[in-house]
């Protein structure tokens, strides 16, 4: 089964808001968002997920990236080989200041604003969006469909 996931790219003053997560290897970062439930539109999913993970509603803007993740093709195949997920990354703005997340993911330990120019020094997934985000904030055109990347 293929799962849709909606992700928010929230940029302010050269920084991006990410969820901070922890696993046995240490901290890793993700754009806020998650899986679409039956009967939800993309925007409904993204609103729900942002409330759950960052404690804020968002204004949803343009679609920036589409990424596929086919688990068997990547470094985490040992535990997610059966995963096939399509992620849609939308540019968003916070409606309100981020508050307490209402339902954070199991690995989530917080949120953090990270300077986009320093993203390469963090364990951000998918790694493939780091140079694209840096190009985007510099006003350069970027690719929308990223393919099966991690």
C-alpha atoms as a PDB file:
ATOM      1  CA  UNK A   1       0.000   0.000   0.000  1.00  0.00           C
ATOM      2  CA  UNK A   2       1.201   3.509  -0.809  1.00  0.00           C
ATOM      3  CA  UNK A   3       0.745   6.122   1.908  1.00  0.00           C
ATOM      4  CA  UNK A   4       0.442   9.868   1.306  1.00  0.00           C
ATOM      5  CA  UNK A   5       2.181  12.168   3.762  1.00  0.00           C
ATOM      6  CA  UNK A   6       1.889  15.947   3.920  1.00  0.00           C
ATOM      7  CA  UNK A   7       4.762  18.098   5.162  1.00  0.00           C
ATOM      8  CA  UNK A   8       5.058  21.776   6.087  1.00  0.00           C
ATOM      9  CA  UNK A   9       8.036  23.896   5.145  1.00  0.00           C
ATOM     10  CA  UNK A  10       7.889  26.842   7.544  1.00  0.00           C
ATOM     11  CA  UNK A  11      10.596  29.430   6.914  1.00  0.00           C
ATOM     12  CA  UNK A  12      11.110  32.656   8.842  1.00  0.00           C
ATOM     13  CA  UNK A  13      14.141  34.947   8.834  1.00  0.00           C
ATOM     14  CA  UNK A  14      16.423  32.365   7.197  1.00  0.00           C
ATOM     15  CA  UNK A  15      15.411  29.584   9.585  1.00  0.00           C
ATOM     16  CA  UNK A  16      13.160  26.556   9.150  1.00  0.00           C
ATOM     17  CA  UNK A  17      10.920  25.090  11.845  1.00  0.00           C
ATOM     18  CA  UNK A  18      11.517  21.350  12.250  1.00  0.00           C
ATOM     19  CA  UNK A  19      10.465  18.648  14.647  1.00  0.00           C
ATOM     20  CA  UNK A  20      13.359  17.404  16.762  1.00  0.00           C
ATOM     21  CA  UNK A  21      13.351  13.639  17.234  1.00  0.00           C
ATOM     22  CA  UNK A  22      15.604  11.151  19.003  1.00  0.00           C
ATOM     23  CA  UNK A  23      16.560   7.559  18.251  1.00  0.00           C
ATOM     24  CA  UNK A  24      19.513   5.369  19.353  1.00  0.00           C
ATOM     25  CA  UNK A  25      21.790   7.237  16.890  1.00  0.00           C
ATOM     26  CA  UNK A  26      20.945  10.641  18.413  1.00  0.00           C
ATOM     27  CA  UNK A  27      18.850  13.571  17.247  1.00  0.00           C
ATOM     28  CA  UNK A  28      17.263  13.794  13.822  1.00  0.00           C
ATOM     29  CA  UNK A  29      14.978  16.378  12.272  1.00  0.00           C
ATOM     30  CA  UNK A  30      11.876  16.280  10.090  1.00  0.00           C
ATOM     31  CA  UNK A  31       9.532  18.793   8.553  1.00  0.00           C
ATOM     32  CA  UNK A  32       6.273  18.794  10.524  1.00  0.00           C
ATOM     33  CA  UNK A  33       3.564  16.656   8.992  1.00  0.00           C
ATOM     34  CA  UNK A  34       2.373  13.124   8.565  1.00  0.00           C
ATOM     35  CA  UNK A  35       0.028  10.613   7.048  1.00  0.00           C
ATOM     36  CA  UNK A  36      -3.211  11.378   5.294  1.00  0.00           C
ATOM     37  CA  UNK A  37      -6.256   9.688   6.805  1.00  0.00           C
ATOM     38  CA  UNK A  38      -9.155   8.357   4.756  1.00  0.00           C
ATOM     39  CA  UNK A  39     -11.550  11.169   3.853  1.00  0.00           C
ATOM     40  CA  UNK A  40      -9.078  13.995   4.524  1.00  0.00           C
ATOM     41  CA  UNK A  41      -7.884  16.465   1.909  1.00  0.00           C
ATOM     42  CA  UNK A  42      -4.189  17.336   1.742  1.00  0.00           C
ATOM     43  CA  UNK A  43      -4.864  20.651   3.499  1.00  0.00           C
ATOM     44  CA  UNK A  44      -6.938  19.033   6.257  1.00  0.00           C
ATOM     45  CA  UNK A  45      -4.151  16.515   6.871  1.00  0.00           C
ATOM     46  CA  UNK A  46      -1.462  19.176   7.017  1.00  0.00           C
ATOM     47  CA  UNK A  47      -3.501  21.350   9.403  1.00  0.00           C
ATOM     48  CA  UNK A  48      -4.137  18.396  11.742  1.00  0.00           C
ATOM     49  CA  UNK A  49      -0.512  17.271  11.673  1.00  0.00           C
ATOM     50  CA  UNK A  50       0.831  20.776  12.370  1.00  0.00           C
ATOM     51  CA  UNK A  51      -1.456  21.110  15.395  1.00  0.00           C
ATOM     52  CA  UNK A  52      -0.308  17.694  16.612  1.00  0.00           C
ATOM     53  CA  UNK A  53       3.435  18.241  16.080  1.00  0.00           C
ATOM     54  CA  UNK A  54       4.075  21.978  16.476  1.00  0.00           C
ATOM     55  CA  UNK A  55       0.929  23.151  18.281  1.00  0.00           C
ATOM     56  CA  UNK A  56      -0.019  25.683  15.614  1.00  0.00           C
ATOM     57  CA  UNK A  57      -2.332  26.015  12.657  1.00  0.00           C
ATOM     58  CA  UNK A  58      -0.738  27.132   9.395  1.00  0.00           C
ATOM     59  CA  UNK A  59      -1.547  29.025   6.238  1.00  0.00           C
ATOM     60  CA  UNK A  60      -0.797  26.577   3.403  1.00  0.00           C
ATOM     61  CA  UNK A  61       0.877  27.974   0.303  1.00  0.00           C
ATOM     62  CA  UNK A  62       2.472  26.494  -2.792  1.00  0.00           C
ATOM     63  CA  UNK A  63       3.610  22.911  -3.296  1.00  0.00           C
ATOM     64  CA  UNK A  64       7.429  22.966  -3.299  1.00  0.00           C
ATOM     65  CA  UNK A  65       8.499  19.309  -3.477  1.00  0.00           C
ATOM     66  CA  UNK A  66       7.210  15.794  -3.980  1.00  0.00           C
ATOM     67  CA  UNK A  67       9.343  12.982  -2.626  1.00  0.00           C
ATOM     68  CA  UNK A  68       8.861   9.244  -2.807  1.00  0.00           C
ATOM     69  CA  UNK A  69      10.330   6.972  -0.203  1.00  0.00           C
ATOM     70  CA  UNK A  70      10.527   3.271  -0.990  1.00  0.00           C
ATOM     71  CA  UNK A  71      12.011   1.839   2.191  1.00  0.00           C
ATOM     72  CA  UNK A  72      13.669  -1.238   0.680  1.00  0.00           C
ATOM     73  CA  UNK A  73      15.955   1.060  -1.357  1.00  0.00           C
ATOM     74  CA  UNK A  74      17.455   2.983   1.577  1.00  0.00           C
ATOM     75  CA  UNK A  75      19.625   2.694   4.683  1.00  0.00           C
ATOM     76  CA  UNK A  76      16.681   1.904   6.982  1.00  0.00           C
ATOM     77  CA  UNK A  77      15.480  -1.078   4.928  1.00  0.00           C
ATOM     78  CA  UNK A  78      15.950  -3.417   7.899  1.00  0.00           C
ATOM     79  CA  UNK A  79      12.880  -1.950   9.610  1.00  0.00           C
ATOM     80  CA  UNK A  80      10.910  -0.190   6.884  1.00  0.00           C
ATOM     81  CA  UNK A  81      11.401  -2.276   3.743  1.00  0.00           C
ATOM     82  CA  UNK A  82       7.620  -2.503   3.263  1.00  0.00           C
ATOM     83  CA  UNK A  83       7.118   1.287   3.380  1.00  0.00           C
ATOM     84  CA  UNK A  84       6.193   3.161   0.203  1.00  0.00           C
ATOM     85  CA  UNK A  85       5.314   6.752   0.992  1.00  0.00           C
ATOM     86  CA  UNK A  86       4.740   9.792  -1.204  1.00  0.00           C
ATOM     87  CA  UNK A  87       5.410  13.065   0.598  1.00  0.00           C
ATOM     88  CA  UNK A  88       4.076  16.444  -0.506  1.00  0.00           C
ATOM     89  CA  UNK A  89       5.998  19.437   0.882  1.00  0.00           C
ATOM     90  CA  UNK A  90       4.010  22.689   1.049  1.00  0.00           C
ATOM     91  CA  UNK A  91       5.344  26.136   1.897  1.00  0.00           C
ATOM     92  CA  UNK A  92       3.468  27.254   5.027  1.00  0.00           C
ATOM     93  CA  UNK A  93       3.274  30.185   7.425  1.00  0.00           C
ATOM     94  CA  UNK A  94       2.345  29.951  11.079  1.00  0.00           C
ATOM     95  CA  UNK A  95      -1.096  31.359  11.949  1.00  0.00           C
ATOM     96  CA  UNK A  96      -0.149  31.562  15.594  1.00  0.00           C
ATOM     97  CA  UNK A  97       3.077  31.191  17.505  1.00  0.00           C
ATOM     98  CA  UNK A  98       3.891  27.538  17.989  1.00  0.00           C
ATOM     99  CA  UNK A  99       2.513  26.256  21.276  1.00  0.00           C
ATOM    100  CA  UNK A 100       2.629  22.855  22.911  1.00  0.00           C
ATOM    101  CA  UNK A 101       2.179  19.979  20.403  1.00  0.00           C
ATOM    102  CA  UNK A 102      -1.120  18.168  20.991  1.00  0.00           C
ATOM    103  CA  UNK A 103      -0.035  14.706  19.782  1.00  0.00           C
ATOM    104  CA  UNK A 104       3.700  14.501  18.947  1.00  0.00           C
ATOM    105  CA  UNK A 105       5.162  11.455  17.215  1.00  0.00           C
ATOM    106  CA  UNK A 106       6.747   8.806  19.428  1.00  0.00           C
ATOM    107  CA  UNK A 107      10.333   9.891  18.645  1.00  0.00           C
ATOM    108  CA  UNK A 108       9.593  13.627  18.863  1.00  0.00           C
ATOM    109  CA  UNK A 109      11.273  15.495  21.723  1.00  0.00           C
ATOM    110  CA  UNK A 110      10.521  19.044  20.606  1.00  0.00           C
ATOM    111  CA  UNK A 111      10.701  21.573  17.798  1.00  0.00           C
ATOM    112  CA  UNK A 112      13.587  23.755  16.723  1.00  0.00           C
ATOM    113  CA  UNK A 113      14.235  26.684  14.393  1.00  0.00           C
ATOM    114  CA  UNK A 114      17.402  25.844  12.423  1.00  0.00           C
ATOM    115  CA  UNK A 115      19.318  28.214  10.117  1.00  0.00           C
ATOM    116  CA  UNK A 116      18.865  26.978   6.565  1.00  0.00           C
ATOM    117  CA  UNK A 117      22.519  27.626   5.705  1.00  0.00           C
ATOM    118  CA  UNK A 118      23.542  25.190   8.485  1.00  0.00           C
ATOM    119  CA  UNK A 119      21.111  22.370   7.632  1.00  0.00           C
ATOM    120  CA  UNK A 120      23.940  20.258   6.188  1.00  0.00           C
ATOM    121  CA  UNK A 121      25.337  19.911   9.737  1.00  0.00           C
ATOM    122  CA  UNK A 122      22.101  18.305  11.028  1.00  0.00           C
ATOM    123  CA  UNK A 123      20.608  14.863  10.474  1.00  0.00           C
ATOM    124  CA  UNK A 124      17.596  15.999   8.459  1.00  0.00           C
ATOM    125  CA  UNK A 125      15.413  13.607   6.509  1.00  0.00           C
ATOM    126  CA  UNK A 126      15.194  13.598   3.610  1.00  0.00           C
ATOM    127  CA  UNK A 127      18.765  14.796   3.126  1.00  0.00           C
ATOM    128  CA  UNK A 128      17.997  15.522  -0.526  1.00  0.00           C
ATOM    129  CA  UNK A 129      15.943  18.620   0.356  1.00  0.00           C
ATOM    130  CA  UNK A 130      18.827  20.429   2.074  1.00  0.00           C
ATOM    131  CA  UNK A 131      20.421  21.905  -1.093  1.00  0.00           C
ATOM    132  CA  UNK A 132      16.977  22.533  -2.567  1.00  0.00           C
ATOM    133  CA  UNK A 133      15.872  24.541   0.477  1.00  0.00           C
ATOM    134  CA  UNK A 134      19.102  26.525   0.316  1.00  0.00           C
ATOM    135  CA  UNK A 135      18.492  27.235  -3.388  1.00  0.00           C
ATOM    136  CA  UNK A 136      14.876  28.183  -2.710  1.00  0.00           C
ATOM    137  CA  UNK A 137      15.740  30.820  -0.074  1.00  0.00           C
ATOM    138  CA  UNK A 138      18.305  32.262  -2.493  1.00  0.00           C
ATOM    139  CA  UNK A 139      15.552  32.689  -5.088  1.00  0.00           C
ATOM    140  CA  UNK A 140      16.789  29.923  -7.387  1.00  0.00           C
ATOM    141  CA  UNK A 141      14.399  27.599  -9.190  1.00  0.00           C
ATOM    142  CA  UNK A 142      14.310  24.081  -7.757  1.00  0.00           C
ATOM    143  CA  UNK A 143      13.093  20.677  -8.871  1.00  0.00           C
ATOM    144  CA  UNK A 144       9.614  19.736  -7.655  1.00  0.00           C
ATOM    145  CA  UNK A 145       9.678  15.942  -8.107  1.00  0.00           C
ATOM    146  CA  UNK A 146      12.639  14.517  -6.208  1.00  0.00           C
ATOM    147  CA  UNK A 147      12.073  10.806  -6.903  1.00  0.00           C
ATOM    148  CA  UNK A 148      12.880   7.997  -4.467  1.00  0.00           C
ATOM    149  CA  UNK A 149      15.359   9.753  -2.164  1.00  0.00           C
ATOM    150  CA  UNK A 150      16.204   9.810   1.509  1.00  0.00           C
END
